[in-house]
PDB file of N, CA and C in Angstrom:
ATOM      1  N   UNK A   1     -17.662  -0.375  18.358  1.00  0.00           N
ATOM      2  CA  UNK A   1     -16.848  -0.759  17.203  1.00  0.00           C
ATOM      3  C   UNK A   1     -17.828  -1.999  16.920  1.00  0.00           C
ATOM      4  N   UNK A   2     -18.014  -1.948  15.346  1.00  0.00           N
ATOM      5  CA  UNK A   2     -19.190  -2.587  14.338  1.00  0.00           C
ATOM      6  C   UNK A   2     -18.618  -3.513  13.431  1.00  0.00           C
ATOM      7  N   UNK A   3     -19.058  -5.019  14.264  1.00  0.00           N
ATOM      8  CA  UNK A   3     -18.650  -6.417  13.681  1.00  0.00           C
ATOM      9  C   UNK A   3     -18.801  -6.623  12.065  1.00  0.00           C
ATOM     10  N   UNK A   4     -19.362  -5.959  11.720  1.00  0.00           N
ATOM     11  CA  UNK A   4     -20.245  -6.155  10.398  1.00  0.00           C
ATOM     12  C   UNK A   4     -19.475  -6.723   9.372  1.00  0.00           C
ATOM     13  N   UNK A   5     -20.065  -7.902   8.987  1.00  0.00           N
ATOM     14  CA  UNK A   5     -18.578  -8.457   8.160  1.00  0.00           C
ATOM     15  C   UNK A   5     -18.324  -7.744   6.590  1.00  0.00           C
ATOM     16  N   UNK A   6     -19.719  -7.585   6.620  1.00  0.00           N
ATOM     17  CA  UNK A   6     -19.627  -6.223   4.876  1.00  0.00           C
ATOM     18  C   UNK A   6     -18.291  -5.315   5.057  1.00  0.00           C
ATOM     19  N   UNK A   7     -17.880  -5.298   6.437  1.00  0.00           N
ATOM     20  CA  UNK A   7     -16.665  -4.507   6.759  1.00  0.00           C
ATOM     21  C   UNK A   7     -15.180  -4.623   5.796  1.00  0.00           C
ATOM     22  N   UNK A   8     -15.391  -6.219   6.090  1.00  0.00           N
ATOM     23  CA  UNK A   8     -13.607  -6.327   5.351  1.00  0.00           C
ATOM     24  C   UNK A   8     -13.978  -7.252   3.923  1.00  0.00           C
ATOM     25  N   UNK A   9     -13.053  -6.973   3.212  1.00  0.00           N
ATOM     26  CA  UNK A   9     -12.886  -7.502   1.840  1.00  0.00           C
ATOM     27  C   UNK A   9     -12.115  -9.085   2.242  1.00  0.00           C
ATOM     28  N   UNK A  10     -12.818  -9.575   1.434  1.00  0.00           N
ATOM     29  CA  UNK A  10     -12.549 -11.279   1.739  1.00  0.00           C
ATOM     30  C   UNK A  10     -11.409 -11.759   0.363  1.00  0.00           C
ATOM     31  N   UNK A  11     -10.536 -12.271   0.426  1.00  0.00           N
ATOM     32  CA  UNK A  11      -8.887 -12.100  -0.085  1.00  0.00           C
ATOM     33  C   UNK A  11      -9.046 -14.109  -0.685  1.00  0.00           C
ATOM     34  N   UNK A  12     -10.624 -14.407  -0.563  1.00  0.00           N
ATOM     35  CA  UNK A  12     -10.694 -15.515  -1.281  1.00  0.00           C
ATOM     36  C   UNK A  12     -11.624 -15.500  -2.785  1.00  0.00           C
ATOM     37  N   UNK A  13     -10.892 -16.610  -3.905  1.00  0.00           N
ATOM     38  CA  UNK A  13     -11.002 -16.126  -5.193  1.00  0.00           C
ATOM     39  C   UNK A  13     -12.926 -17.085  -4.989  1.00  0.00           C
ATOM     40  N   UNK A  14     -13.645 -17.004  -5.374  1.00  0.00           N
ATOM     41  CA  UNK A  14     -15.179 -17.288  -5.644  1.00  0.00           C
ATOM     42  C   UNK A  14     -15.808 -17.504  -7.310  1.00  0.00           C
ATOM     43  N   UNK A  15     -14.991 -18.993  -7.894  1.00  0.00           N
ATOM     44  CA  UNK A  15     -15.088 -19.144  -9.313  1.00  0.00           C
ATOM     45  C   UNK A  15     -16.759 -18.836  -9.379  1.00  0.00           C
ATOM     46  N   UNK A  16     -18.004 -19.363  -8.428  1.00  0.00           N
ATOM     47  CA  UNK A  16     -18.853 -19.504  -9.226  1.00  0.00           C
ATOM     48  C   UNK A  16     -19.580 -17.418  -9.298  1.00  0.00           C
ATOM     49  N   UNK A  17     -18.569 -16.819  -9.114  1.00  0.00           N
ATOM     50  CA  UNK A  17     -18.693 -15.303  -9.671  1.00  0.00           C
ATOM     51  C   UNK A  17     -19.039 -15.347 -10.771  1.00  0.00           C
ATOM     52  N   UNK A  18     -18.055 -15.924 -11.612  1.00  0.00           N
ATOM     53  CA  UNK A  18     -17.689 -15.845 -13.003  1.00  0.00           C
ATOM     54  C   UNK A  18     -19.120 -16.641 -13.735  1.00  0.00           C
ATOM     55  N   UNK A  19     -20.018 -15.968 -14.375  1.00  0.00           N
ATOM     56  CA  UNK A  19     -20.738 -16.620 -15.531  1.00  0.00           C
ATOM     57  C   UNK A  19     -20.512 -18.242 -15.345  1.00  0.00           C
ATOM     58  N   UNK A  20     -21.391 -19.017 -15.088  1.00  0.00           N
ATOM     59  CA  UNK A  20     -21.359 -20.459 -15.653  1.00  0.00           C
ATOM     60  C   UNK A  20     -21.254 -20.870 -17.198  1.00  0.00           C
ATOM     61  N   UNK A  21     -21.586 -20.142 -18.014  1.00  0.00           N
ATOM     62  CA  UNK A  21     -21.420 -20.420 -19.349  1.00  0.00           C
ATOM     63  C   UNK A  21     -20.196 -19.755 -20.144  1.00  0.00           C
ATOM     64  N   UNK A  22     -19.253 -19.300 -19.253  1.00  0.00           N
ATOM     65  CA  UNK A  22     -17.735 -18.774 -19.447  1.00  0.00           C
ATOM     66  C   UNK A  22     -17.201 -19.238 -18.557  1.00  0.00           C
ATOM     67  N   UNK A  23     -17.806 -20.125 -17.525  1.00  0.00           N
ATOM     68  CA  UNK A  23     -15.896 -20.425 -16.238  1.00  0.00           C
ATOM     69  C   UNK A  23     -15.647 -21.454 -16.563  1.00  0.00           C
ATOM     70  N   UNK A  24     -15.946 -22.457 -16.725  1.00  0.00           N
ATOM     71  CA  UNK A  24     -15.386 -23.930 -17.703  1.00  0.00           C
ATOM     72  C   UNK A  24     -14.151 -23.296 -18.952  1.00  0.00           C
ATOM     73  N   UNK A  25     -14.394 -22.242 -19.448  1.00  0.00           N
ATOM     74  CA  UNK A  25     -13.254 -21.872 -20.691  1.00  0.00           C
ATOM     75  C   UNK A  25     -12.272 -21.201 -19.405  1.00  0.00           C
ATOM     76  N   UNK A  26     -12.610 -20.200 -18.948  1.00  0.00           N
ATOM     77  CA  UNK A  26     -12.034 -19.498 -18.019  1.00  0.00           C
ATOM     78  C   UNK A  26     -10.415 -20.638 -17.213  1.00  0.00           C
ATOM     79  N   UNK A  27     -11.319 -21.462 -16.321  1.00  0.00           N
ATOM     80  CA  UNK A  27     -10.632 -22.442 -15.892  1.00  0.00           C
ATOM     81  C   UNK A  27      -9.732 -23.284 -16.798  1.00  0.00           C
ATOM     82  N   UNK A  28      -9.986 -23.405 -18.048  1.00  0.00           N
ATOM     83  CA  UNK A  28      -8.847 -24.028 -19.120  1.00  0.00           C
ATOM     84  C   UNK A  28      -7.798 -22.981 -19.885  1.00  0.00           C
ATOM     85  N   UNK A  29      -8.435 -21.507 -20.018  1.00  0.00           N
ATOM     86  CA  UNK A  29      -7.606 -20.523 -20.836  1.00  0.00           C
ATOM     87  C   UNK A  29      -6.017 -20.001 -19.676  1.00  0.00           C
ATOM     88  N   UNK A  30      -6.757 -19.309 -18.432  1.00  0.00           N
ATOM     89  CA  UNK A  30      -6.245 -18.909 -17.260  1.00  0.00           C
ATOM     90  C   UNK A  30      -5.133 -19.711 -17.352  1.00  0.00           C
ATOM     91  N   UNK A  31      -4.647 -20.885 -17.088  1.00  0.00           N
ATOM     92  CA  UNK A  31      -3.285 -21.627 -17.253  1.00  0.00           C
ATOM     93  C   UNK A  31      -2.695 -21.733 -18.823  1.00  0.00           C
ATOM     94  N   UNK A  32      -3.508 -21.305 -19.363  1.00  0.00           N
ATOM     95  CA  UNK A  32      -2.423 -21.614 -20.879  1.00  0.00           C
ATOM     96  C   UNK A  32      -2.057 -20.206 -20.878  1.00  0.00           C
ATOM     97  N   UNK A  33      -2.681 -18.990 -20.587  1.00  0.00           N
ATOM     98  CA  UNK A  33      -2.264 -17.866 -20.833  1.00  0.00           C
ATOM     99  C   UNK A  33      -1.023 -17.463 -20.227  1.00  0.00           C
ATOM    100  N   UNK A  34      -0.900 -18.214 -18.647  1.00  0.00           N
ATOM    101  CA  UNK A  34      -0.119 -17.738 -18.077  1.00  0.00           C
ATOM    102  C   UNK A  34       1.511 -18.888 -18.801  1.00  0.00           C
ATOM    103  N   UNK A  35       1.178 -19.545 -19.012  1.00  0.00           N
ATOM    104  CA  UNK A  35       1.961 -20.726 -19.919  1.00  0.00           C
ATOM    105  C   UNK A  35       2.844 -19.961 -20.548  1.00  0.00           C
ATOM    106  N   UNK A  36       1.931 -18.898 -21.473  1.00  0.00           N
ATOM    107  CA  UNK A  36       2.595 -18.326 -22.426  1.00  0.00           C
ATOM    108  C   UNK A  36       3.476 -16.929 -21.725  1.00  0.00           C
ATOM    109  N   UNK A  37       3.259 -17.066 -20.770  1.00  0.00           N
ATOM    110  CA  UNK A  37       4.310 -15.832 -20.190  1.00  0.00           C
ATOM    111  C   UNK A  37       5.812 -15.633 -20.020  1.00  0.00           C
ATOM    112  N   UNK A  38       6.542 -14.554 -20.673  1.00  0.00           N
ATOM    113  CA  UNK A  38       7.344 -14.385 -21.038  1.00  0.00           C
ATOM    114  C   UNK A  38       8.598 -14.223 -19.594  1.00  0.00           C
ATOM    115  N   UNK A  39       7.819 -13.821 -19.059  1.00  0.00           N
ATOM    116  CA  UNK A  39       8.673 -13.051 -17.524  1.00  0.00           C
ATOM    117  C   UNK A  39       7.602 -12.318 -16.458  1.00  0.00           C
ATOM    118  N   UNK A  40       8.489 -12.900 -15.311  1.00  0.00           N
ATOM    119  CA  UNK A  40       7.046 -12.409 -14.221  1.00  0.00           C
ATOM    120  C   UNK A  40       8.279 -12.036 -13.089  1.00  0.00           C
ATOM    121  N   UNK A  41       7.923 -10.340 -12.792  1.00  0.00           N
ATOM    122  CA  UNK A  41       8.512  -9.632 -12.059  1.00  0.00           C
ATOM    123  C   UNK A  41       7.900 -10.027 -10.342  1.00  0.00           C
ATOM    124  N   UNK A  42       8.470  -9.792  -9.387  1.00  0.00           N
ATOM    125  CA  UNK A  42       7.417 -10.182  -8.284  1.00  0.00           C
ATOM    126  C   UNK A  42       7.639  -8.029  -7.972  1.00  0.00           C
ATOM    127  N   UNK A  43       6.719  -7.366  -7.585  1.00  0.00           N
ATOM    128  CA  UNK A  43       6.432  -6.440  -7.320  1.00  0.00           C
ATOM    129  C   UNK A  43       6.393  -6.310  -5.848  1.00  0.00           C
ATOM    130  N   UNK A  44       6.316  -4.645  -5.112  1.00  0.00           N
ATOM    131  CA  UNK A  44       5.852  -4.613  -3.376  1.00  0.00           C
ATOM    132  C   UNK A  44       4.518  -4.957  -3.866  1.00  0.00           C
ATOM    133  N   UNK A  45       3.643  -4.802  -4.461  1.00  0.00           N
ATOM    134  CA  UNK A  45       2.505  -4.835  -4.477  1.00  0.00           C
ATOM    135  C   UNK A  45       2.001  -6.160  -4.849  1.00  0.00           C
ATOM    136  N   UNK A  46       2.561  -6.614  -5.120  1.00  0.00           N
ATOM    137  CA  UNK A  46       2.153  -8.107  -6.666  1.00  0.00           C
ATOM    138  C   UNK A  46       3.104  -8.575  -8.061  1.00  0.00           C
ATOM    139  N   UNK A  47       2.376  -8.583  -9.016  1.00  0.00           N
ATOM    140  CA  UNK A  47       3.122  -9.192 -10.201  1.00  0.00           C
ATOM    141  C   UNK A  47       3.478  -8.679 -11.053  1.00  0.00           C
ATOM    142  N   UNK A  48       4.191  -8.335 -11.788  1.00  0.00           N
ATOM    143  CA  UNK A  48       4.140  -8.224 -13.659  1.00  0.00           C
ATOM    144  C   UNK A  48       4.748  -9.206 -14.230  1.00  0.00           C
ATOM    145  N   UNK A  49       4.062  -9.246 -15.480  1.00  0.00           N
ATOM    146  CA  UNK A  49       4.119 -10.111 -16.426  1.00  0.00           C
ATOM    147  C   UNK A  49       4.008 -10.060 -17.222  1.00  0.00           C
ATOM    148  N   UNK A  50       4.890 -10.629 -17.995  1.00  0.00           N
ATOM    149  CA  UNK A  50       5.049 -10.294 -19.462  1.00  0.00           C
ATOM    150  C   UNK A  50       5.238 -10.858 -20.766  1.00  0.00           C
ATOM    151  N   UNK A  51       4.376 -10.733 -21.414  1.00  0.00           N
ATOM    152  CA  UNK A  51       3.581 -11.618 -22.563  1.00  0.00           C
ATOM    153  C   UNK A  51       4.308 -10.871 -24.224  1.00  0.00           C
ATOM    154  N   UNK A  52       4.865 -11.462 -24.655  1.00  0.00           N
ATOM    155  CA  UNK A  52       4.822 -11.007 -26.621  1.00  0.00           C
ATOM    156  C   UNK A  52       3.695 -10.754 -26.757  1.00  0.00           C
ATOM    157  N   UNK A  53       4.270  -9.352 -27.475  1.00  0.00           N
ATOM    158  CA  UNK A  53       2.909  -8.631 -28.209  1.00  0.00           C
ATOM    159  C   UNK A  53       2.636  -9.476 -29.780  1.00  0.00           C
ATOM    160  N   UNK A  54       1.323 -10.573 -29.721  1.00  0.00           N
ATOM    161  CA  UNK A  54       1.424 -11.076 -30.761  1.00  0.00           C
ATOM    162  C   UNK A  54      -0.075 -11.433 -30.804  1.00  0.00           C
ATOM    163  N   UNK A  55      -0.436 -11.677 -32.524  1.00  0.00           N
ATOM    164  CA  UNK A  55      -2.168 -11.913 -32.420  1.00  0.00           C
ATOM    165  C   UNK A  55      -2.927 -12.677 -31.632  1.00  0.00           C
ATOM    166  N   UNK A  56      -4.199 -11.717 -31.138  1.00  0.00           N
ATOM    167  CA  UNK A  56      -5.220 -12.152 -29.984  1.00  0.00           C
ATOM    168  C   UNK A  56      -4.515 -12.300 -29.083  1.00  0.00           C
ATOM    169  N   UNK A  57      -3.179 -11.738 -28.274  1.00  0.00           N
ATOM    170  CA  UNK A  57      -2.764 -11.891 -26.511  1.00  0.00           C
ATOM    171  C   UNK A  57      -3.515 -10.949 -26.077  1.00  0.00           C
ATOM    172  N   UNK A  58      -3.525  -9.146 -26.684  1.00  0.00           N
ATOM    173  CA  UNK A  58      -4.155  -8.641 -25.903  1.00  0.00           C
ATOM    174  C   UNK A  58      -5.411  -8.902 -25.624  1.00  0.00           C
ATOM    175  N   UNK A  59      -6.406  -8.788 -26.286  1.00  0.00           N
ATOM    176  CA  UNK A  59      -7.520  -9.651 -26.137  1.00  0.00           C
ATOM    177  C   UNK A  59      -7.795 -10.794 -24.808  1.00  0.00           C
ATOM    178  N   UNK A  60      -7.191 -12.036 -25.504  1.00  0.00           N
ATOM    179  CA  UNK A  60      -6.635 -12.920 -24.352  1.00  0.00           C
ATOM    180  C   UNK A  60      -6.819 -12.382 -23.098  1.00  0.00           C
ATOM    181  N   UNK A  61      -5.514 -11.444 -22.734  1.00  0.00           N
ATOM    182  CA  UNK A  61      -5.853 -10.964 -21.536  1.00  0.00           C
ATOM    183  C   UNK A  61      -7.127 -10.311 -20.983  1.00  0.00           C
ATOM    184  N   UNK A  62      -7.327  -9.427 -22.015  1.00  0.00           N
ATOM    185  CA  UNK A  62      -8.179  -8.773 -21.636  1.00  0.00           C
ATOM    186  C   UNK A  62      -9.260  -9.337 -20.934  1.00  0.00           C
ATOM    187  N   UNK A  63      -9.831 -10.607 -21.667  1.00  0.00           N
ATOM    188  CA  UNK A  63     -10.923 -11.678 -21.416  1.00  0.00           C
ATOM    189  C   UNK A  63     -10.598 -12.351 -20.093  1.00  0.00           C
ATOM    190  N   UNK A  64      -8.914 -12.658 -19.838  1.00  0.00           N
ATOM    191  CA  UNK A  64      -8.975 -12.715 -18.729  1.00  0.00           C
ATOM    192  C   UNK A  64      -9.095 -12.038 -17.112  1.00  0.00           C
ATOM    193  N   UNK A  65      -8.636 -10.959 -17.589  1.00  0.00           N
ATOM    194  CA  UNK A  65      -9.248  -9.971 -16.688  1.00  0.00           C
ATOM    195  C   UNK A  65     -10.453  -9.801 -16.223  1.00  0.00           C
ATOM    196  N   UNK A  66     -11.334  -9.949 -17.597  1.00  0.00           N
ATOM    197  CA  UNK A  66     -13.067  -9.693 -17.409  1.00  0.00           C
ATOM    198  C   UNK A  66     -13.500 -10.700 -16.284  1.00  0.00           C
ATOM    199  N   UNK A  67     -13.097 -11.802 -15.978  1.00  0.00           N
ATOM    200  CA  UNK A  67     -13.925 -13.191 -16.125  1.00  0.00           C
ATOM    201  C   UNK A  67     -12.630 -13.277 -14.279  1.00  0.00           C
ATOM    202  N   UNK A  68     -11.655 -12.516 -13.942  1.00  0.00           N
ATOM    203  CA  UNK A  68     -11.441 -12.791 -13.182  1.00  0.00           C
ATOM    204  C   UNK A  68     -11.457 -11.555 -11.988  1.00  0.00           C
ATOM    205  N   UNK A  69     -11.670 -10.601 -12.724  1.00  0.00           N
ATOM    206  CA  UNK A  69     -12.087  -9.233 -11.688  1.00  0.00           C
ATOM    207  C   UNK A  69     -13.510  -9.705 -10.985  1.00  0.00           C
ATOM    208  N   UNK A  70     -14.187 -10.457 -11.367  1.00  0.00           N
ATOM    209  CA  UNK A  70     -15.559 -11.086 -10.934  1.00  0.00           C
ATOM    210  C   UNK A  70     -15.610 -11.946  -9.984  1.00  0.00           C
ATOM    211  N   UNK A  71     -14.112 -13.114  -9.865  1.00  0.00           N
ATOM    212  CA  UNK A  71     -14.357 -14.181  -8.663  1.00  0.00           C
ATOM    213  C   UNK A  71     -13.080 -13.496  -8.036  1.00  0.00           C
ATOM    214  N   UNK A  72     -12.345 -12.531  -8.243  1.00  0.00           N
ATOM    215  CA  UNK A  72     -11.256 -12.239  -7.697  1.00  0.00           C
ATOM    216  C   UNK A  72     -11.421 -10.512  -7.037  1.00  0.00           C
ATOM    217  N   UNK A  73     -12.519  -9.963  -6.718  1.00  0.00           N
ATOM    218  CA  UNK A  73     -12.438  -8.602  -6.816  1.00  0.00           C
ATOM    219  C   UNK A  73     -11.641  -7.853  -6.079  1.00  0.00           C
ATOM    220  N   UNK A  74     -10.640  -8.329  -5.225  1.00  0.00           N
ATOM    221  CA  UNK A  74      -9.679  -7.764  -4.649  1.00  0.00           C
ATOM    222  C   UNK A  74      -8.267  -7.553  -5.365  1.00  0.00           C
ATOM    223  N   UNK A  75      -8.455  -7.873  -6.899  1.00  0.00           N
ATOM    224  CA  UNK A  75      -7.019  -7.574  -7.545  1.00  0.00           C
ATOM    225  C   UNK A  75      -7.130  -6.222  -8.143  1.00  0.00           C
ATOM    226  N   UNK A  76      -5.982  -5.776  -8.407  1.00  0.00           N
ATOM    227  CA  UNK A  76      -5.921  -4.777  -9.008  1.00  0.00           C
ATOM    228  C   UNK A  76      -5.576  -5.245 -10.435  1.00  0.00           C
ATOM    229  N   UNK A  77      -6.095  -4.576 -11.327  1.00  0.00           N
ATOM    230  CA  UNK A  77      -5.188  -4.851 -12.967  1.00  0.00           C
ATOM    231  C   UNK A  77      -5.038  -4.112 -13.120  1.00  0.00           C
ATOM    232  N   UNK A  78      -3.884  -4.074 -14.300  1.00  0.00           N
ATOM    233  CA  UNK A  78      -3.481  -3.183 -15.453  1.00  0.00           C
ATOM    234  C   UNK A  78      -2.459  -3.447 -16.100  1.00  0.00           C
ATOM    235  N   UNK A  79      -3.126  -3.516 -17.221  1.00  0.00           N
ATOM    236  CA  UNK A  79      -2.267  -3.482 -18.900  1.00  0.00           C
ATOM    237  C   UNK A  79      -1.542  -2.707 -19.477  1.00  0.00           C
ATOM    238  N   UNK A  80      -0.579  -2.747 -19.452  1.00  0.00           N
ATOM    239  CA  UNK A  80       0.186  -1.879 -20.335  1.00  0.00           C
ATOM    240  C   UNK A  80       0.540  -2.534 -21.988  1.00  0.00           C
ATOM    241  N   UNK A  81       0.973  -1.298 -22.691  1.00  0.00           N
ATOM    242  CA  UNK A  81       1.486  -1.907 -23.924  1.00  0.00           C
ATOM    243  C   UNK A  81       2.741  -1.112 -24.542  1.00  0.00           C
ATOM    244  N   UNK A  82       3.649  -1.593 -24.517  1.00  0.00           N
ATOM    245  CA  UNK A  82       4.994  -0.938 -24.725  1.00  0.00           C
ATOM    246  C   UNK A  82       5.006  -0.605 -26.248  1.00  0.00           C
ATOM    247  N   UNK A  83       5.253   0.757 -26.420  1.00  0.00           N
ATOM    248  CA  UNK A  83       5.361   1.101 -28.315  1.00  0.00           C
ATOM    249  C   UNK A  83       6.142   0.252 -28.711  1.00  0.00           C
ATOM    250  N   UNK A  84       6.199   0.616 -29.865  1.00  0.00           N
ATOM    251  CA  UNK A  84       6.761  -0.123 -31.602  1.00  0.00           C
ATOM    252  C   UNK A  84       6.342  -1.684 -31.101  1.00  0.00           C
ATOM    253  N   UNK A  85       5.053  -2.036 -31.190  1.00  0.00           N
ATOM    254  CA  UNK A  85       5.057  -3.277 -31.221  1.00  0.00           C
ATOM    255  C   UNK A  85       5.669  -3.764 -29.832  1.00  0.00           C
ATOM    256  N   UNK A  86       6.259  -3.464 -28.879  1.00  0.00           N
ATOM    257  CA  UNK A  86       6.881  -3.959 -27.394  1.00  0.00           C
ATOM    258  C   UNK A  86       5.898  -4.847 -27.020  1.00  0.00           C
ATOM    259  N   UNK A  87       6.464  -5.876 -25.898  1.00  0.00           N
ATOM    260  CA  UNK A  87       5.285  -6.617 -25.363  1.00  0.00           C
ATOM    261  C   UNK A  87       4.130  -5.717 -24.428  1.00  0.00           C
ATOM    262  N   UNK A  88       3.607  -6.897 -23.675  1.00  0.00           N
ATOM    263  CA  UNK A  88       2.012  -6.453 -23.074  1.00  0.00           C
ATOM    264  C   UNK A  88       2.968  -6.958 -20.981  1.00  0.00           C
ATOM    265  N   UNK A  89       2.459  -6.236 -20.896  1.00  0.00           N
ATOM    266  CA  UNK A  89       2.522  -6.410 -19.427  1.00  0.00           C
ATOM    267  C   UNK A  89       1.314  -6.242 -18.587  1.00  0.00           C
ATOM    268  N   UNK A  90       0.977  -7.412 -18.073  1.00  0.00           N
ATOM    269  CA  UNK A  90       0.072  -7.722 -16.759  1.00  0.00           C
ATOM    270  C   UNK A  90       0.109  -7.317 -15.794  1.00  0.00           C
ATOM    271  N   UNK A  91      -0.165  -6.894 -14.912  1.00  0.00           N
ATOM    272  CA  UNK A  91       0.411  -6.608 -13.424  1.00  0.00           C
ATOM    273  C   UNK A  91      -0.945  -6.426 -12.323  1.00  0.00           C
ATOM    274  N   UNK A  92      -0.842  -7.610 -11.478  1.00  0.00           N
ATOM    275  CA  UNK A  92      -1.633  -7.896 -10.659  1.00  0.00           C
ATOM    276  C   UNK A  92      -0.884  -7.400  -8.932  1.00  0.00           C
TER     277      UNK A  92
END
């Protein structure tokens, strides 16, 4: 049996993995992003979070994902845009 610690994934967030020049902004804007959520659904493997499709929201979520995947590489991210200017869904 191989006891190499690299064989398992850590489920701990490492904020230092986010470049220091954007880390503070990420820490400030992430709670603001989730405060704008319209609905949260628990899924068998995570959560689905619904946001209004308003100007800048898509890019704000994409920026969150870009940074969060660095500090929390164990997450799977999915961003769905419903047709006809419908809501955005972020799945974690």
